[in-house]
Amino acid sequence: MKRSLIILFVLSVTSIVSAQIKHEVGFQVGFNQTIYRLNTPISKYNIDGDPSKLHQEPLNGIKIGFIYDVTLVKGFGLSTSFNYSYGAHTSKWEPYPYDEKGQLITFDPKYDYRHKAESHRLELALNMQYKFTIADDTYIMLYTGPAAQFVAKYNATDYFQKHDDFQPDLPDKFIGAYGYNADEMEKYFKRWNVTWGIGAGFQYDRYFIRGGYSFGLVNPYQYNSFGDMEDIKADLKDPRQSTHGRMDQWEISVGIYFWQSDK
């Protein structure tokens, strides 16, 4: 009799919980900004005061992906998403104190410089989530959790142009570009990154909007990043100590659940 009562109780609880479980599968798209931060002595070596020279520029772009939400009981649940992110940055033309041969120009610089970088990343996020019901099919969402990111491709290119003082009416002469391919960028950045994010959102029926910020949990730089710069070698006892930091990002996206278990 006791065993039968226990089995009946377990089945009753399971049926009640199962009745409250809600599954939702959707698609989202939005804006994404990635920020590489340096938290070490190398930060003072921003050449000409421009952080982009050390690849600290924010990468702005888009983020698209699929999302799966499961609400387990009384609003508590999990939210999993798989996303692709593209980010890019292009600096404005600015004076550069070196010529195309790498020689220092001691007088008025006649050369301009600009930097362009772009990245392609894949991300898998797992968040704990709570949905506050404020009306029928209307919710406010709060979520937090980790995400693993893989940098599939990262390219950076430096562009140079020269001004001709003797023929000022002619357009500036483009004298070349120097680029870093994905393999070369691995000398500076690691492929994998882990973040912890917090965020909030609003959902009405099948439609939602989400936004949040993610903090980097691991050092995204290789230990020898920028260690070949002579001024850093001369000032630091161990250049490898200079490349510590984190990769943060913030985002906002809109989306739709194209399947819900209760619809």
Protein backbone atom coordinates (compact mmCIF):
# COMPACT_ATOMS: atom_id res chain seq x y z
CA MET A 1 0.00 0.00 0.00
CA LYS A 2 2.80 2.44 0.93
CA ARG A 3 4.64 1.67 -2.30
CA SER A 4 1.47 2.28 -4.31
CA LEU A 5 0.91 5.62 -2.56
CA ILE A 6 4.51 6.70 -3.23
CA ILE A 7 4.22 5.76 -6.91
CA LEU A 8 0.90 7.61 -7.17
CA PHE A 9 2.41 10.68 -5.50
CA VAL A 10 5.44 10.71 -7.86
CA LEU A 11 3.20 10.33 -10.91
CA SER A 12 0.96 13.14 -9.70
CA VAL A 13 3.86 15.52 -9.14
CA THR A 14 5.39 14.59 -12.50
CA SER A 15 2.13 15.22 -14.32
CA ILE A 16 1.68 18.60 -12.62
CA VAL A 17 5.25 19.70 -13.48
CA SER A 18 4.96 18.38 -17.04
CA ALA A 19 1.78 20.34 -17.53
CA GLN A 20 3.60 23.56 -16.63
CA ILE A 21 6.62 22.97 -18.90
CA LYS A 22 6.58 25.20 -21.96
CA HIS A 23 8.93 24.88 -24.93
CA GLU A 24 9.67 27.74 -27.37
CA VAL A 25 11.95 27.74 -30.42
CA GLY A 26 12.74 30.94 -32.25
CA PHE A 27 15.02 33.08 -34.39
CA GLN A 28 16.69 36.36 -33.40
CA VAL A 29 18.71 39.12 -35.08
CA GLY A 30 20.27 42.27 -33.69
CA PHE A 31 23.22 44.57 -33.05
CA ASN A 32 26.39 43.36 -31.36
CA GLN A 33 29.52 45.19 -30.15
CA THR A 34 32.70 43.39 -29.09
CA ILE A 35 35.35 45.17 -27.01
CA TYR A 36 38.88 43.87 -26.44
CA ARG A 37 40.15 45.33 -23.17
CA LEU A 38 43.76 45.54 -21.95
CA ASN A 39 44.22 45.64 -18.18
CA THR A 40 48.02 45.68 -18.04
CA PRO A 41 50.99 48.07 -18.42
CA ILE A 42 50.76 47.80 -22.21
CA SER A 43 47.74 50.10 -22.05
CA LYS A 44 50.01 53.14 -21.75
CA TYR A 45 51.67 52.27 -25.06
CA ASN A 46 48.84 53.53 -27.22
CA ILE A 47 50.86 54.93 -30.10
CA ASP A 48 49.87 58.56 -30.75
CA GLY A 49 47.09 58.06 -28.24
CA ASP A 50 45.17 55.78 -30.64
CA PRO A 51 44.02 52.52 -29.01
CA SER A 52 43.35 50.97 -32.42
CA LYS A 53 47.11 50.62 -32.89
CA LEU A 54 46.94 47.88 -30.27
CA HIS A 55 43.66 46.43 -31.53
CA GLN A 56 41.50 47.85 -28.73
CA GLU A 57 38.86 49.30 -31.05
CA PRO A 58 35.23 48.17 -30.59
CA LEU A 59 33.97 45.86 -33.33
CA ASN A 60 30.40 46.76 -34.31
CA GLY A 61 28.20 44.40 -36.27
CA ILE A 62 25.27 42.01 -36.36
CA LYS A 63 24.31 38.91 -34.44
CA ILE A 64 21.88 36.29 -35.73
CA GLY A 65 20.93 32.88 -34.40
CA PHE A 66 18.43 30.43 -33.02
CA ILE A 67 17.06 30.36 -29.48
CA TYR A 68 15.39 27.64 -27.42
CA ASP A 69 13.53 28.50 -24.20
CA VAL A 70 12.06 26.02 -21.75
CA THR A 71 9.96 27.24 -18.83
CA LEU A 72 9.95 24.57 -16.13
CA VAL A 73 7.79 25.83 -13.28
CA LYS A 74 6.37 29.21 -12.22
CA GLY A 75 8.41 31.20 -14.71
CA PHE A 76 11.77 29.57 -13.99
CA GLY A 77 13.58 27.94 -16.87
CA LEU A 78 16.53 27.87 -19.24
CA SER A 79 17.36 29.73 -22.43
CA THR A 80 19.86 28.31 -24.92
CA SER A 81 21.00 30.07 -28.08
CA PHE A 82 23.43 29.40 -30.93
CA ASN A 83 24.56 32.54 -32.73
CA TYR A 84 26.83 33.89 -35.44
CA SER A 85 28.35 37.35 -34.92
CA TYR A 86 30.12 39.65 -37.35
CA GLY A 87 31.98 42.72 -36.15
CA ALA A 88 34.10 45.33 -37.90
CA HIS A 89 35.89 48.61 -37.28
CA THR A 90 37.52 51.13 -39.61
CA SER A 91 39.41 54.11 -38.18
CA LYS A 92 39.57 57.51 -39.84
CA TRP A 93 42.61 58.64 -41.80
CA GLU A 94 45.15 60.23 -39.45
CA PRO A 95 48.79 61.41 -39.62
CA TYR A 96 51.31 58.62 -39.29
CA PRO A 97 54.97 59.36 -38.40
CA TYR A 98 56.49 56.63 -40.61
CA ASP A 99 56.94 56.35 -44.35
CA GLU A 100 56.28 53.29 -46.50
CA LYS A 101 59.77 51.95 -45.72
CA GLY A 102 59.16 52.13 -41.99
CA GLN A 103 61.51 55.10 -41.51
CA LEU A 104 60.58 57.70 -38.91
CA ILE A 105 59.58 61.07 -40.40
CA THR A 106 61.19 63.72 -38.20
CA PHE A 107 59.37 66.72 -39.70
CA ASP A 108 55.73 67.31 -40.61
CA PRO A 109 54.22 63.90 -41.43
CA LYS A 110 53.12 63.54 -45.04
CA TYR A 111 51.63 60.10 -44.57
CA ASP A 112 48.22 59.06 -43.30
CA TYR A 113 47.21 55.81 -41.69
CA ARG A 114 44.00 53.94 -41.07
CA HIS A 115 43.20 50.56 -39.53
CA LYS A 116 40.46 48.09 -40.43
CA ALA A 117 39.57 44.94 -38.52
CA GLU A 118 36.78 42.38 -38.80
CA SER A 119 35.87 39.19 -37.00
CA HIS A 120 33.52 36.23 -37.45
CA ARG A 121 32.47 34.39 -34.29
CA LEU A 122 30.26 31.48 -33.28
CA GLU A 123 28.65 31.44 -29.84
CA LEU A 124 26.78 28.94 -27.68
CA ALA A 125 25.03 30.48 -24.65
CA LEU A 126 23.20 28.81 -21.75
CA ASN A 127 21.21 31.09 -19.45
CA MET A 128 19.11 30.64 -16.36
CA GLN A 129 15.92 32.60 -16.94
CA TYR A 130 12.84 33.86 -15.16
CA LYS A 131 9.72 35.21 -16.91
CA PHE A 132 7.44 37.56 -14.99
CA THR A 133 3.87 37.38 -16.26
CA ILE A 134 2.41 40.90 -16.49
CA ALA A 135 -0.62 40.08 -18.67
CA ASP A 136 -1.93 37.31 -20.92
CA ASP A 137 0.97 36.13 -23.13
CA THR A 138 3.03 39.14 -21.98
CA TYR A 139 6.25 38.74 -19.99
CA ILE A 140 9.34 40.51 -18.71
CA MET A 141 12.44 38.29 -18.80
CA LEU A 142 15.59 38.34 -16.69
CA TYR A 143 18.46 35.99 -17.50
CA THR A 144 22.11 35.28 -16.68
CA GLY A 145 24.63 32.62 -17.61
CA PRO A 146 27.81 31.61 -19.44
CA ALA A 147 28.62 31.52 -23.14
CA ALA A 148 31.44 29.89 -25.11
CA GLN A 149 32.71 31.74 -28.19
CA PHE A 150 34.87 30.56 -31.06
CA VAL A 151 36.61 33.11 -33.28
CA ALA A 152 36.30 31.50 -36.70
CA LYS A 153 38.12 34.32 -38.50
CA TYR A 154 39.84 37.58 -37.58
CA ASN A 155 41.47 39.86 -40.15
CA ALA A 156 43.19 43.21 -39.70
CA THR A 157 44.65 45.56 -42.31
CA ASP A 158 46.65 48.79 -42.07
CA TYR A 159 46.30 51.28 -44.95
CA PHE A 160 48.76 54.06 -45.85
CA GLN A 161 48.52 57.06 -48.17
CA LYS A 162 50.86 59.96 -49.01
CA HIS A 163 50.19 63.65 -49.58
CA ASP A 164 52.11 65.53 -52.30
CA ASP A 165 52.99 69.06 -51.16
CA PHE A 166 54.21 70.00 -54.62
CA GLN A 167 50.95 69.05 -56.35
CA PRO A 168 48.24 69.74 -53.73
CA ASP A 169 45.47 69.69 -56.35
CA LEU A 170 46.06 66.04 -57.12
CA PRO A 171 44.30 63.38 -55.04
CA ASP A 172 46.26 61.74 -52.27
CA LYS A 173 48.35 58.80 -53.36
CA PHE A 174 47.51 55.42 -51.90
CA ILE A 175 50.84 53.71 -51.28
CA GLY A 176 49.89 50.37 -49.84
CA ALA A 177 48.26 48.18 -47.25
CA TYR A 178 49.54 45.60 -44.83
CA GLY A 179 47.20 42.87 -43.65
CA TYR A 180 47.11 40.15 -41.04
CA ASN A 181 45.39 36.91 -42.01
CA ALA A 182 43.67 34.54 -39.61
CA ASP A 183 46.79 32.48 -38.99
CA GLU A 184 48.88 35.55 -38.20
CA MET A 185 46.21 36.92 -35.87
CA GLU A 186 46.54 33.76 -33.80
CA LYS A 187 49.87 35.20 -32.67
CA TYR A 188 47.88 37.92 -30.92
CA PHE A 189 44.48 36.44 -30.03
CA LYS A 190 43.17 33.10 -28.80
CA ARG A 191 40.46 31.30 -30.73
CA TRP A 192 38.27 30.53 -27.69
CA ASN A 193 36.64 32.87 -25.23
CA VAL A 194 34.23 32.41 -22.31
CA THR A 195 31.91 35.12 -21.01
CA TRP A 196 29.24 35.54 -18.34
CA GLY A 197 26.27 37.62 -19.35
CA ILE A 198 23.32 39.36 -17.72
CA GLY A 199 20.30 40.67 -19.56
CA ALA A 200 16.62 41.49 -19.70
CA GLY A 201 13.86 41.30 -22.26
CA PHE A 202 10.22 41.74 -23.10
CA GLN A 203 7.94 39.19 -24.76
CA TYR A 204 4.47 39.53 -26.22
CA ASP A 205 2.95 36.35 -27.61
CA ARG A 206 5.54 35.09 -30.13
CA TYR A 207 7.60 38.28 -30.35
CA PHE A 208 10.44 39.37 -28.10
CA ILE A 209 13.26 41.85 -27.61
CA ARG A 210 16.37 41.11 -25.54
CA GLY A 211 19.44 43.07 -24.51
CA GLY A 212 22.41 42.41 -22.27
CA TYR A 213 26.10 42.71 -21.46
CA SER A 214 28.68 39.91 -21.25
CA PHE A 215 31.92 40.04 -19.25
CA GLY A 216 34.97 38.12 -20.45
CA LEU A 217 36.15 35.42 -18.03
CA VAL A 218 39.41 34.42 -19.73
CA ASN A 219 42.37 36.27 -21.21
CA PRO A 220 41.77 36.48 -25.01
CA TYR A 221 45.37 37.50 -25.78
CA GLN A 222 48.28 35.23 -26.46
CA TYR A 223 51.00 35.72 -23.87
CA ASN A 224 53.45 37.05 -26.46
CA SER A 225 51.00 39.52 -28.02
CA PHE A 226 52.74 42.78 -29.01
CA GLY A 227 55.86 41.51 -27.26
CA ASP A 228 57.96 42.29 -30.33
CA MET A 229 57.53 46.05 -29.84
CA GLU A 230 60.94 47.42 -28.86
CA ASP A 231 59.70 50.13 -26.49
CA ILE A 232 57.73 47.55 -24.53
CA LYS A 233 60.69 45.18 -24.36
CA ALA A 234 62.87 47.98 -23.04
CA ASP A 235 60.43 48.99 -20.32
CA LEU A 236 59.03 45.67 -19.11
CA LYS A 237 61.08 42.92 -17.54
CA ASP A 238 58.83 40.31 -19.10
CA PRO A 239 56.89 41.48 -22.22
CA ARG A 240 54.53 38.53 -21.86
CA GLN A 241 53.13 40.10 -18.71
CA SER A 242 51.78 42.96 -20.81
CA THR A 243 49.06 41.07 -22.64
CA HIS A 244 46.36 40.37 -20.10
CA GLY A 245 42.78 41.52 -20.47
CA ARG A 246 39.32 40.34 -21.42
CA MET A 247 36.84 40.43 -24.29
CA ASP A 248 33.45 41.95 -23.41
CA GLN A 249 30.37 42.47 -25.55
CA TRP A 250 26.91 43.96 -25.41
CA GLU A 251 23.96 43.29 -27.67
CA ILE A 252 20.33 43.96 -28.38
CA SER A 253 18.15 41.77 -30.57
CA VAL A 254 14.58 41.18 -31.68
CA GLY A 255 13.06 37.85 -32.60
CA ILE A 256 10.09 35.57 -32.97
CA TYR A 257 9.27 32.12 -31.61
CA PHE A 258 8.16 30.18 -34.65
CA TRP A 259 7.12 27.20 -32.47
CA GLN A 260 5.59 27.11 -28.99
CA SER A 261 4.46 23.90 -27.31
CA ASP A 262 1.17 25.38 -26.06
CA LYS A 263 0.12 26.84 -29.42
